[in-house]
Amino acid sequence: MNKWTLVLILLFWFSLGGCATLLQEQEYVLIDRPVINDHTYYYDIFSLPEIAKIRKIRLIGEGKLRNIEIYVRDTKQRWQLKQKIHQINQLPFDIPLVVNTDAVKVKKFHTTVFGEIETIQFFTVAD
């Protein structure tokens, strides 16, 4: 099968409704587990009791944030950078993520002085 045949098959599949499924808005569900907060001067860590399929987080607090980095903890307890946010955002603020993790670290820089994150909420998608 050459690449053009594959392209035609994919185009036909999308025209039959595959595209509608991909573009359908997802229903987010709050993960109802206790969130443990660990605040330091440079970062905040928010963790769950066990690993979950995270699809979105909501930063809860007051004020505005800018210049933050979002890290997630992998299964080997290492932190991986997932998103840098430079623009100003009003709290509460939603951040889409597609990860399996038990913890999120929000790294703050000296220019993040507009607001304070109290906690975060973890969301997954409804099955």
N, C-alpha and C. Protein backbone atom coordinates (compact mmCIF):
# COMPACT_ATOMS: atom_id res chain seq x y z
N MET A 1 0.86 -1.17 0.00
CA MET A 1 0.00 0.00 0.00
C MET A 1 0.91 1.24 0.00
N ASN A 2 0.70 2.12 -0.97
CA ASN A 2 1.53 3.32 -1.01
C ASN A 2 0.92 4.40 -0.12
N LYS A 3 1.63 5.50 0.04
CA LYS A 3 1.19 6.55 0.96
C LYS A 3 -0.08 7.24 0.48
N TRP A 4 -0.30 7.32 -0.82
CA TRP A 4 -1.51 7.99 -1.34
C TRP A 4 -2.76 7.17 -1.06
N THR A 5 -2.64 5.86 -1.11
CA THR A 5 -3.78 5.00 -0.77
C THR A 5 -4.14 5.18 0.70
N LEU A 6 -3.12 5.23 1.54
CA LEU A 6 -3.35 5.44 2.96
C LEU A 6 -4.02 6.78 3.22
N VAL A 7 -3.57 7.82 2.53
CA VAL A 7 -4.18 9.14 2.68
C VAL A 7 -5.65 9.11 2.27
N LEU A 8 -5.97 8.45 1.17
CA LEU A 8 -7.36 8.36 0.72
C LEU A 8 -8.23 7.60 1.71
N ILE A 9 -7.68 6.53 2.28
CA ILE A 9 -8.44 5.76 3.27
C ILE A 9 -8.72 6.62 4.50
N LEU A 10 -7.71 7.35 4.96
CA LEU A 10 -7.90 8.22 6.13
C LEU A 10 -8.91 9.32 5.84
N LEU A 11 -8.85 9.92 4.68
CA LEU A 11 -9.82 10.96 4.31
C LEU A 11 -11.25 10.39 4.29
N PHE A 12 -11.40 9.19 3.74
CA PHE A 12 -12.71 8.55 3.71
C PHE A 12 -13.21 8.28 5.13
N TRP A 13 -12.33 7.79 6.02
CA TRP A 13 -12.72 7.50 7.40
C TRP A 13 -13.17 8.76 8.12
N PHE A 14 -12.40 9.87 7.94
CA PHE A 14 -12.77 11.14 8.57
C PHE A 14 -14.12 11.63 8.06
N SER A 15 -14.39 11.42 6.79
CA SER A 15 -15.66 11.89 6.23
C SER A 15 -16.84 11.09 6.76
N LEU A 16 -16.62 9.89 7.24
CA LEU A 16 -17.70 9.07 7.78
C LEU A 16 -18.01 9.34 9.25
N GLY A 17 -17.33 10.28 9.84
CA GLY A 17 -17.66 10.62 11.22
C GLY A 17 -16.50 10.50 12.18
N GLY A 18 -15.40 9.97 11.75
CA GLY A 18 -14.23 9.88 12.62
C GLY A 18 -13.77 11.24 13.08
N CYS A 19 -13.89 12.22 12.21
CA CYS A 19 -13.49 13.58 12.54
C CYS A 19 -14.40 14.15 13.62
N ALA A 20 -15.69 13.87 13.52
CA ALA A 20 -16.63 14.37 14.53
C ALA A 20 -16.30 13.82 15.90
N THR A 21 -15.88 12.56 15.96
CA THR A 21 -15.50 11.96 17.23
C THR A 21 -14.26 12.64 17.79
N LEU A 22 -13.30 12.93 16.93
CA LEU A 22 -12.08 13.57 17.39
C LEU A 22 -12.31 15.00 17.87
N LEU A 23 -13.25 15.70 17.24
CA LEU A 23 -13.49 17.09 17.57
C LEU A 23 -14.55 17.29 18.65
N GLN A 24 -15.17 16.21 19.09
CA GLN A 24 -16.21 16.29 20.10
C GLN A 24 -15.64 16.82 21.42
N GLU A 25 -16.37 17.74 22.03
CA GLU A 25 -15.91 18.31 23.30
C GLU A 25 -15.94 17.23 24.38
N GLN A 26 -14.87 17.17 25.16
CA GLN A 26 -14.78 16.15 26.19
C GLN A 26 -15.43 16.63 27.47
N GLU A 27 -16.02 15.70 28.19
CA GLU A 27 -16.63 16.01 29.48
C GLU A 27 -15.63 15.70 30.58
N TYR A 28 -15.20 16.76 31.27
CA TYR A 28 -14.22 16.60 32.35
C TYR A 28 -14.92 16.28 33.65
N VAL A 29 -14.31 15.38 34.43
CA VAL A 29 -14.85 14.96 35.71
C VAL A 29 -13.79 15.20 36.78
N LEU A 30 -14.20 15.85 37.86
CA LEU A 30 -13.29 16.11 38.97
C LEU A 30 -12.87 14.80 39.63
N ILE A 31 -11.59 14.63 39.88
CA ILE A 31 -11.08 13.46 40.59
C ILE A 31 -11.28 13.75 42.08
N ASP A 32 -12.17 12.99 42.68
CA ASP A 32 -12.58 13.25 44.06
C ASP A 32 -11.68 12.50 45.04
N ARG A 33 -10.47 12.99 45.18
CA ARG A 33 -9.52 12.44 46.13
C ARG A 33 -8.85 13.60 46.84
N PRO A 34 -8.36 13.40 48.06
CA PRO A 34 -7.71 14.51 48.77
C PRO A 34 -6.44 14.96 48.05
N VAL A 35 -6.25 16.27 47.99
CA VAL A 35 -5.05 16.85 47.38
C VAL A 35 -4.14 17.34 48.51
N ILE A 36 -2.89 16.88 48.48
CA ILE A 36 -1.91 17.26 49.50
C ILE A 36 -1.08 18.41 48.94
N ASN A 37 -0.96 19.49 49.72
CA ASN A 37 -0.22 20.68 49.29
C ASN A 37 1.11 20.74 50.01
N ASP A 38 2.16 21.08 49.27
CA ASP A 38 3.48 21.33 49.84
C ASP A 38 3.99 22.62 49.22
N HIS A 39 3.98 23.71 49.99
CA HIS A 39 4.36 25.03 49.48
C HIS A 39 5.78 25.38 49.91
N THR A 40 6.57 25.90 48.96
CA THR A 40 7.87 26.45 49.27
C THR A 40 7.95 27.83 48.61
N TYR A 41 9.05 28.49 48.78
CA TYR A 41 9.21 29.82 48.20
C TYR A 41 9.24 29.78 46.67
N TYR A 42 9.86 28.73 46.08
CA TYR A 42 10.05 28.67 44.63
C TYR A 42 9.02 27.83 43.90
N TYR A 43 8.37 26.92 44.59
CA TYR A 43 7.39 26.08 43.91
C TYR A 43 6.35 25.55 44.89
N ASP A 44 5.24 25.08 44.32
CA ASP A 44 4.18 24.41 45.07
C ASP A 44 3.99 23.04 44.47
N ILE A 45 3.88 22.01 45.32
CA ILE A 45 3.60 20.66 44.85
C ILE A 45 2.22 20.26 45.35
N PHE A 46 1.41 19.75 44.43
CA PHE A 46 0.07 19.29 44.74
C PHE A 46 0.02 17.82 44.33
N SER A 47 -0.31 16.95 45.28
CA SER A 47 -0.27 15.52 44.97
C SER A 47 -1.54 14.80 45.38
N LEU A 48 -1.77 13.68 44.69
CA LEU A 48 -2.89 12.78 44.97
C LEU A 48 -2.34 11.53 45.66
N PRO A 49 -3.20 10.75 46.33
CA PRO A 49 -2.74 9.52 47.00
C PRO A 49 -2.18 8.47 46.03
N GLU A 50 -2.65 8.45 44.77
CA GLU A 50 -2.16 7.48 43.79
C GLU A 50 -2.19 8.09 42.40
N ILE A 51 -1.56 7.41 41.45
CA ILE A 51 -1.50 7.89 40.06
C ILE A 51 -2.89 7.87 39.45
N ALA A 52 -3.20 8.91 38.67
CA ALA A 52 -4.49 9.02 38.00
C ALA A 52 -4.27 9.53 36.58
N LYS A 53 -5.27 9.32 35.72
CA LYS A 53 -5.24 9.83 34.35
C LYS A 53 -5.71 11.28 34.37
N ILE A 54 -4.78 12.19 34.35
CA ILE A 54 -5.09 13.62 34.43
C ILE A 54 -5.26 14.17 33.02
N ARG A 55 -6.34 14.92 32.81
CA ARG A 55 -6.58 15.54 31.51
C ARG A 55 -6.69 17.06 31.61
N LYS A 56 -6.79 17.56 32.84
CA LYS A 56 -6.86 19.01 33.05
C LYS A 56 -6.62 19.28 34.53
N ILE A 57 -5.97 20.41 34.82
CA ILE A 57 -5.88 20.87 36.21
C ILE A 57 -6.45 22.27 36.28
N ARG A 58 -6.98 22.61 37.43
CA ARG A 58 -7.50 23.96 37.68
C ARG A 58 -6.74 24.54 38.87
N LEU A 59 -6.04 25.63 38.63
CA LEU A 59 -5.35 26.33 39.70
C LEU A 59 -6.37 27.19 40.43
N ILE A 60 -6.50 26.99 41.73
CA ILE A 60 -7.47 27.70 42.55
C ILE A 60 -6.72 28.68 43.45
N GLY A 61 -7.21 29.91 43.49
CA GLY A 61 -6.60 30.91 44.34
C GLY A 61 -7.17 32.28 44.04
N GLU A 62 -6.44 33.31 44.43
CA GLU A 62 -6.89 34.67 44.21
C GLU A 62 -5.81 35.45 43.47
N GLY A 63 -6.25 36.39 42.65
CA GLY A 63 -5.32 37.25 41.94
C GLY A 63 -5.01 36.74 40.55
N LYS A 64 -3.87 37.18 40.04
CA LYS A 64 -3.43 36.83 38.69
C LYS A 64 -2.04 36.21 38.76
N LEU A 65 -1.76 35.32 37.79
CA LEU A 65 -0.46 34.66 37.71
C LEU A 65 0.16 34.89 36.35
N ARG A 66 1.47 34.90 36.32
CA ARG A 66 2.22 34.85 35.07
C ARG A 66 3.58 34.25 35.37
N ASN A 67 4.27 33.82 34.34
CA ASN A 67 5.61 33.25 34.46
C ASN A 67 5.67 32.09 35.45
N ILE A 68 4.92 31.04 35.12
CA ILE A 68 4.97 29.81 35.91
C ILE A 68 5.29 28.65 34.98
N GLU A 69 5.81 27.58 35.55
CA GLU A 69 6.05 26.35 34.81
C GLU A 69 5.33 25.22 35.51
N ILE A 70 4.74 24.33 34.72
CA ILE A 70 4.00 23.19 35.24
C ILE A 70 4.82 21.92 34.97
N TYR A 71 5.12 21.19 36.04
CA TYR A 71 5.86 19.94 35.96
C TYR A 71 4.95 18.82 36.47
N VAL A 72 5.15 17.60 35.94
CA VAL A 72 4.45 16.43 36.45
C VAL A 72 5.48 15.39 36.86
N ARG A 73 5.12 14.60 37.86
CA ARG A 73 6.03 13.55 38.36
C ARG A 73 5.73 12.26 37.60
N ASP A 74 6.80 11.62 37.10
CA ASP A 74 6.61 10.37 36.37
C ASP A 74 6.69 9.18 37.35
N THR A 75 6.60 7.98 36.80
CA THR A 75 6.58 6.79 37.65
C THR A 75 7.93 6.52 38.33
N LYS A 76 9.00 7.17 37.84
CA LYS A 76 10.32 7.02 38.46
C LYS A 76 10.63 8.18 39.40
N GLN A 77 9.60 8.93 39.78
CA GLN A 77 9.72 10.04 40.72
C GLN A 77 10.56 11.20 40.18
N ARG A 78 10.61 11.35 38.86
CA ARG A 78 11.32 12.47 38.24
C ARG A 78 10.31 13.50 37.76
N TRP A 79 10.71 14.76 37.77
CA TRP A 79 9.84 15.85 37.33
C TRP A 79 10.09 16.16 35.86
N GLN A 80 9.00 16.23 35.09
CA GLN A 80 9.08 16.56 33.67
C GLN A 80 8.30 17.85 33.41
N LEU A 81 8.95 18.78 32.72
CA LEU A 81 8.29 20.02 32.35
C LEU A 81 7.20 19.74 31.32
N LYS A 82 5.99 20.22 31.57
CA LYS A 82 4.88 20.02 30.64
C LYS A 82 4.41 21.31 30.00
N GLN A 83 4.51 22.42 30.71
CA GLN A 83 3.99 23.66 30.15
C GLN A 83 4.63 24.87 30.81
N LYS A 84 4.93 25.88 29.97
CA LYS A 84 5.40 27.18 30.45
C LYS A 84 4.29 28.19 30.16
N ILE A 85 3.95 28.98 31.16
CA ILE A 85 2.89 29.97 31.00
C ILE A 85 3.49 31.34 31.29
N HIS A 86 3.57 32.18 30.27
CA HIS A 86 4.18 33.49 30.41
C HIS A 86 3.15 34.61 30.51
N GLN A 87 1.99 34.44 29.88
CA GLN A 87 0.98 35.50 29.88
C GLN A 87 0.27 35.58 31.23
N ILE A 88 -0.39 36.69 31.47
CA ILE A 88 -1.12 36.90 32.72
C ILE A 88 -2.45 36.17 32.65
N ASN A 89 -2.78 35.41 33.69
CA ASN A 89 -4.03 34.65 33.77
C ASN A 89 -4.69 34.89 35.12
N GLN A 90 -5.99 35.10 35.09
CA GLN A 90 -6.79 35.29 36.29
C GLN A 90 -7.06 33.94 36.94
N LEU A 91 -6.90 33.84 38.25
CA LEU A 91 -7.26 32.63 38.99
C LEU A 91 -8.75 32.64 39.29
N PRO A 92 -9.45 31.53 39.27
CA PRO A 92 -8.98 30.20 38.90
C PRO A 92 -8.67 30.11 37.41
N PHE A 93 -7.75 29.19 37.09
CA PHE A 93 -7.23 29.07 35.73
C PHE A 93 -7.09 27.60 35.37
N ASP A 94 -7.63 27.19 34.21
CA ASP A 94 -7.57 25.80 33.76
C ASP A 94 -6.39 25.59 32.83
N ILE A 95 -5.71 24.44 33.00
CA ILE A 95 -4.58 24.08 32.16
C ILE A 95 -4.82 22.65 31.65
N PRO A 96 -4.95 22.48 30.34
CA PRO A 96 -5.12 21.12 29.82
C PRO A 96 -3.82 20.34 29.91
N LEU A 97 -3.90 19.10 30.34
CA LEU A 97 -2.76 18.18 30.43
C LEU A 97 -3.24 16.80 30.02
N VAL A 98 -2.37 16.01 29.46
CA VAL A 98 -2.67 14.61 29.18
C VAL A 98 -1.52 13.79 29.75
N VAL A 99 -1.68 13.41 31.01
CA VAL A 99 -0.62 12.69 31.72
C VAL A 99 -1.22 11.69 32.71
N ASN A 100 -0.42 10.72 33.06
CA ASN A 100 -0.72 9.82 34.16
C ASN A 100 0.28 10.16 35.26
N THR A 101 -0.20 10.72 36.36
CA THR A 101 0.69 11.17 37.42
C THR A 101 -0.04 11.20 38.75
N ASP A 102 0.75 11.37 39.81
CA ASP A 102 0.15 11.56 41.13
C ASP A 102 0.51 12.92 41.71
N ALA A 103 1.29 13.74 40.95
CA ALA A 103 1.69 15.04 41.49
C ALA A 103 2.00 16.04 40.38
N VAL A 104 1.70 17.30 40.70
CA VAL A 104 1.99 18.42 39.81
C VAL A 104 2.77 19.45 40.61
N LYS A 105 3.84 19.95 40.00
CA LYS A 105 4.63 21.00 40.64
C LYS A 105 4.46 22.28 39.83
N VAL A 106 4.15 23.38 40.52
CA VAL A 106 4.03 24.69 39.89
C VAL A 106 5.24 25.50 40.34
N LYS A 107 6.14 25.75 39.40
CA LYS A 107 7.35 26.53 39.70
C LYS A 107 7.05 28.00 39.47
N LYS A 108 7.38 28.81 40.49
CA LYS A 108 7.11 30.24 40.46
C LYS A 108 8.42 31.00 40.26
N PHE A 109 8.34 32.06 39.49
CA PHE A 109 9.50 32.93 39.30
C PHE A 109 9.26 34.25 40.02
N HIS A 110 10.29 35.06 40.13
CA HIS A 110 10.18 36.30 40.91
C HIS A 110 9.15 37.27 40.32
N THR A 111 8.75 37.09 39.08
CA THR A 111 7.74 37.97 38.47
C THR A 111 6.34 37.38 38.56
N THR A 112 6.12 36.41 39.45
CA THR A 112 4.82 35.75 39.60
C THR A 112 4.05 36.35 40.78
N VAL A 113 4.32 37.55 41.16
CA VAL A 113 3.87 38.09 42.44
C VAL A 113 2.42 38.60 42.44
N PHE A 114 1.67 38.36 41.39
CA PHE A 114 0.32 38.91 41.29
C PHE A 114 -0.72 38.14 42.10
N GLY A 115 -0.55 36.85 42.28
CA GLY A 115 -1.58 36.05 42.94
C GLY A 115 -0.97 34.89 43.69
N GLU A 116 -1.83 34.16 44.37
CA GLU A 116 -1.38 33.03 45.19
C GLU A 116 -2.26 31.82 44.90
N ILE A 117 -1.63 30.68 44.60
CA ILE A 117 -2.35 29.43 44.38
C ILE A 117 -2.60 28.78 45.73
N GLU A 118 -3.86 28.51 46.04
CA GLU A 118 -4.21 27.85 47.30
C GLU A 118 -4.19 26.34 47.15
N THR A 119 -4.76 25.85 46.06
CA THR A 119 -4.80 24.41 45.77
C THR A 119 -5.04 24.24 44.29
N ILE A 120 -5.05 22.98 43.84
CA ILE A 120 -5.46 22.71 42.47
C ILE A 120 -6.47 21.57 42.50
N GLN A 121 -7.25 21.51 41.44
CA GLN A 121 -8.18 20.42 41.24
C GLN A 121 -7.69 19.62 40.06
N PHE A 122 -7.77 18.29 40.17
CA PHE A 122 -7.39 17.38 39.10
C PHE A 122 -8.64 16.88 38.40
N PHE A 123 -8.61 16.85 37.06
CA PHE A 123 -9.75 16.38 36.29
C PHE A 123 -9.31 15.26 35.35
N THR A 124 -10.24 14.35 35.06
CA THR A 124 -10.07 13.34 34.05
C THR A 124 -11.26 13.46 33.10
N VAL A 125 -11.35 12.59 32.12
CA VAL A 125 -12.50 12.63 31.20
C VAL A 125 -13.45 11.50 31.54
N ALA A 126 -14.73 11.77 31.29
CA ALA A 126 -15.76 10.76 31.55
C ALA A 126 -15.64 9.64 30.51
N ASP A 127 -15.83 8.42 30.96
CA ASP A 127 -15.76 7.26 30.05
C ASP A 127 -17.05 7.12 29.27
